[in-house]
Amino acid sequence: MEEKYVVIYKKFKDFEDNDYLYKKGDIYPREGLKPTKKRIAELSSKKNKIGEVLIEAIKVEKEEKE
């Protein structure tokens, strides 16, 4: 299983991703982005510029190749 996150805050611009706008319900990270563990920790806690939890972990099962 691959760990992904869902945006739980109304919206935020990720300044470490060229100000990409994430909206509530979006999957983080978007395809092609590989955030650091530190960045994920910041966004999943209140230790960021907004001061709110922005993302929450979800489990995504990888598709098996046939």
C-alpha atoms as a PDB file:
ATOM      1  CA  MET A   1       0.000   0.000   0.000  1.00  0.00           C
ATOM      2  CA  GLU A   2       1.089   3.510  -0.771  1.00  0.00           C
ATOM      3  CA  GLU A   3       0.391   6.297   1.689  1.00  0.00           C
ATOM      4  CA  LYS A   4      -1.348   9.347   0.301  1.00  0.00           C
ATOM      5  CA  TYR A   5      -3.133  12.212   1.977  1.00  0.00           C
ATOM      6  CA  VAL A   6      -6.422  14.001   1.546  1.00  0.00           C
ATOM      7  CA  VAL A   7      -6.713  17.761   1.953  1.00  0.00           C
ATOM      8  CA  ILE A   8      -9.003  18.465   4.930  1.00  0.00           C
ATOM      9  CA  TYR A   9      -8.581  22.263   5.015  1.00  0.00           C
ATOM     10  CA  LYS A  10     -10.694  24.467   2.720  1.00  0.00           C
ATOM     11  CA  LYS A  11      -7.735  25.333   0.443  1.00  0.00           C
ATOM     12  CA  PHE A  12      -4.066  26.229   0.604  1.00  0.00           C
ATOM     13  CA  LYS A  13      -1.213  27.105  -1.731  1.00  0.00           C
ATOM     14  CA  ASP A  14       1.811  24.859  -1.353  1.00  0.00           C
ATOM     15  CA  PHE A  15       4.747  27.238  -1.552  1.00  0.00           C
ATOM     16  CA  GLU A  16       7.089  24.235  -1.922  1.00  0.00           C
ATOM     17  CA  ASP A  17       5.181  23.206  -5.080  1.00  0.00           C
ATOM     18  CA  ASN A  18       5.200  26.447  -7.123  1.00  0.00           C
ATOM     19  CA  ASP A  19       2.176  27.769  -5.169  1.00  0.00           C
ATOM     20  CA  TYR A  20       0.002  24.884  -6.413  1.00  0.00           C
ATOM     21  CA  LEU A  21      -3.522  25.354  -5.059  1.00  0.00           C
ATOM     22  CA  TYR A  22      -4.917  22.377  -3.147  1.00  0.00           C
ATOM     23  CA  LYS A  23      -8.615  22.332  -2.271  1.00  0.00           C
ATOM     24  CA  LYS A  24     -10.503  20.320   0.320  1.00  0.00           C
ATOM     25  CA  GLY A  25     -10.908  16.736  -0.917  1.00  0.00           C
ATOM     26  CA  ASP A  26      -7.854  16.823  -3.223  1.00  0.00           C
ATOM     27  CA  ILE A  27      -5.246  14.074  -2.954  1.00  0.00           C
ATOM     28  CA  TYR A  28      -1.805  15.178  -1.735  1.00  0.00           C
ATOM     29  CA  PRO A  29       0.748  14.979  -3.197  1.00  0.00           C
ATOM     30  CA  ARG A  30      -0.353  15.520  -6.748  1.00  0.00           C
ATOM     31  CA  GLU A  31       1.129  13.222  -9.361  1.00  0.00           C
ATOM     32  CA  GLY A  32       4.811  13.884  -9.975  1.00  0.00           C
ATOM     33  CA  LEU A  33       5.446  15.578  -6.619  1.00  0.00           C
ATOM     34  CA  LYS A  34       7.631  13.848  -4.033  1.00  0.00           C
ATOM     35  CA  PRO A  35       7.389  15.871  -0.799  1.00  0.00           C
ATOM     36  CA  THR A  36       9.850  15.347   2.018  1.00  0.00           C
ATOM     37  CA  LYS A  37       8.871  13.674   5.267  1.00  0.00           C
ATOM     38  CA  LYS A  38       9.403  17.061   6.917  1.00  0.00           C
ATOM     39  CA  ARG A  39       6.909  18.729   4.542  1.00  0.00           C
ATOM     40  CA  ILE A  40       4.299  16.019   5.158  1.00  0.00           C
ATOM     41  CA  ALA A  41       4.803  16.463   8.918  1.00  0.00           C
ATOM     42  CA  GLU A  42       4.284  20.242   8.582  1.00  0.00           C
ATOM     43  CA  LEU A  43       1.078  19.904   6.556  1.00  0.00           C
ATOM     44  CA  SER A  44      -0.352  17.154   8.778  1.00  0.00           C
ATOM     45  CA  SER A  45       0.162  19.222  11.939  1.00  0.00           C
ATOM     46  CA  LYS A  46      -0.471  22.812  13.003  1.00  0.00           C
ATOM     47  CA  LYS A  47       3.231  23.628  12.558  1.00  0.00           C
ATOM     48  CA  ASN A  48       2.792  25.448   9.238  1.00  0.00           C
ATOM     49  CA  LYS A  49       2.106  29.039   8.155  1.00  0.00           C
ATOM     50  CA  ILE A  50      -1.694  28.636   8.364  1.00  0.00           C
ATOM     51  CA  GLY A  51      -1.529  27.051  11.827  1.00  0.00           C
ATOM     52  CA  GLU A  52      -4.111  24.359  10.982  1.00  0.00           C
ATOM     53  CA  VAL A  53      -3.928  20.683  10.038  1.00  0.00           C
ATOM     54  CA  LEU A  54      -4.118  20.707   6.232  1.00  0.00           C
ATOM     55  CA  ILE A  55      -3.834  17.038   5.223  1.00  0.00           C
ATOM     56  CA  GLU A  56      -4.773  13.664   6.677  1.00  0.00           C
ATOM     57  CA  ALA A  57      -3.313  10.248   5.780  1.00  0.00           C
ATOM     58  CA  ILE A  58      -5.352   7.762   3.756  1.00  0.00           C
ATOM     59  CA  LYS A  59      -4.351   4.335   2.491  1.00  0.00           C
ATOM     60  CA  VAL A  60      -4.272   3.775  -1.255  1.00  0.00           C
ATOM     61  CA  GLU A  61      -3.764   0.273  -2.592  1.00  0.00           C
ATOM     62  CA  LYS A  62      -1.449   0.015  -5.562  1.00  0.00           C
ATOM     63  CA  GLU A  63      -2.986  -1.597  -8.606  1.00  0.00           C
ATOM     64  CA  GLU A  64      -1.489  -4.993  -9.365  1.00  0.00           C
ATOM     65  CA  LYS A  65      -0.078  -5.466 -12.858  1.00  0.00           C
ATOM     66  CA  GLU A  66      -1.384  -8.499 -14.722  1.00  0.00           C
END
